[in-house]
Amino acid sequence: MRIESVRDYKAMSSVGASILFDAAMAKISKGMPFNLGLATGNTMVTLYEELAAKFNIAKADLSLLRTWNLDEYAATEHTAVPHDHPLSYWKYMHENLFRRFDPQLGFKEENAHFPNPAKPDEIDTALVAAGGIDLQLLGIGFNGHIAFNEPMSPDDITVEDFGNLPTRVLPLTEATIEQNTRLTAGGERSLMPRFAATLGMRPILNAKQCLLLACFPEQESQLNKMIGGKRATPALPASYLLTHSDSRIIYTADCINLGEVL
């Protein structure tokens, strides 16, 4: 695992956008499809703006870009929130990335994939058929989750079984509901869905590359536990990136201090 600090949110966004752009263009410029795993939230907003600008300037053939979102909120255990829901990740991606693409570059709506609460296993099957994710972009929850794979006690599940979890629908924990109410729902708790379809640990860890970005002070303690612990544990899902053959963490030094574990 590579770990590096940058000055602030703007620098993190620029570095992250360049990493995604360079990886995508390495295949797209050769006429090959690129499978990009996408995350949402405030961490990624400026990155997506810069990434779209890079693709537009390069006149990239975005008909070859396939995107795979980590998760989608669900109104019930089997029904996704509508696309016009204020917190819909479909809506987030279209507003923050897809609408920014030059239409002449050919990005196809059918190439944007989201977990379907009605049939959560479909995206895992489609990913295998597509050759897996080339690069997975990740954030880290304040409790150490990635996507909505929440922490579990090692007494309840083995390290191996947790790392092999498939895409599924989960009830959101109270901590996640509170966090996302504050960060993305403008404090309106009534807007928060109670379920989400989330990409499982297995397809995430099967990505050829993983890039985790962190820029909130609340993420410091989990990153310190993860790096200092030096092992994967279901109690801290992001710790599984320690086992990945090509994973990278970029964090903002103005908000996060990892000096004691690096």
Foldseek 3Di string as FASTA:
>chain_A
DAEAEDAALVVLLVVVLVVVLVLQCVAQVVVAAAEEEDEDFPSHQSNQLVNQVVCQVVLTQQCRYAYEYFKFFAQDQQHGDDCPQQPGVVVRCVVRHVVSHDVVSPNDPVRYHHQGSNCRCVVVVVQVVSVAHQEHEWEADLQQDTFQLAFDACVVDPLVVQLQDAWHKDFHDPVVLVVCCVRRVVVPSVSDRGMMTGGGNPRQLPHLEYEYEEHALSNQVLVLCLLQVLADHSSRNNSCVSVRPHYYYYYHPVRHDNPVRD
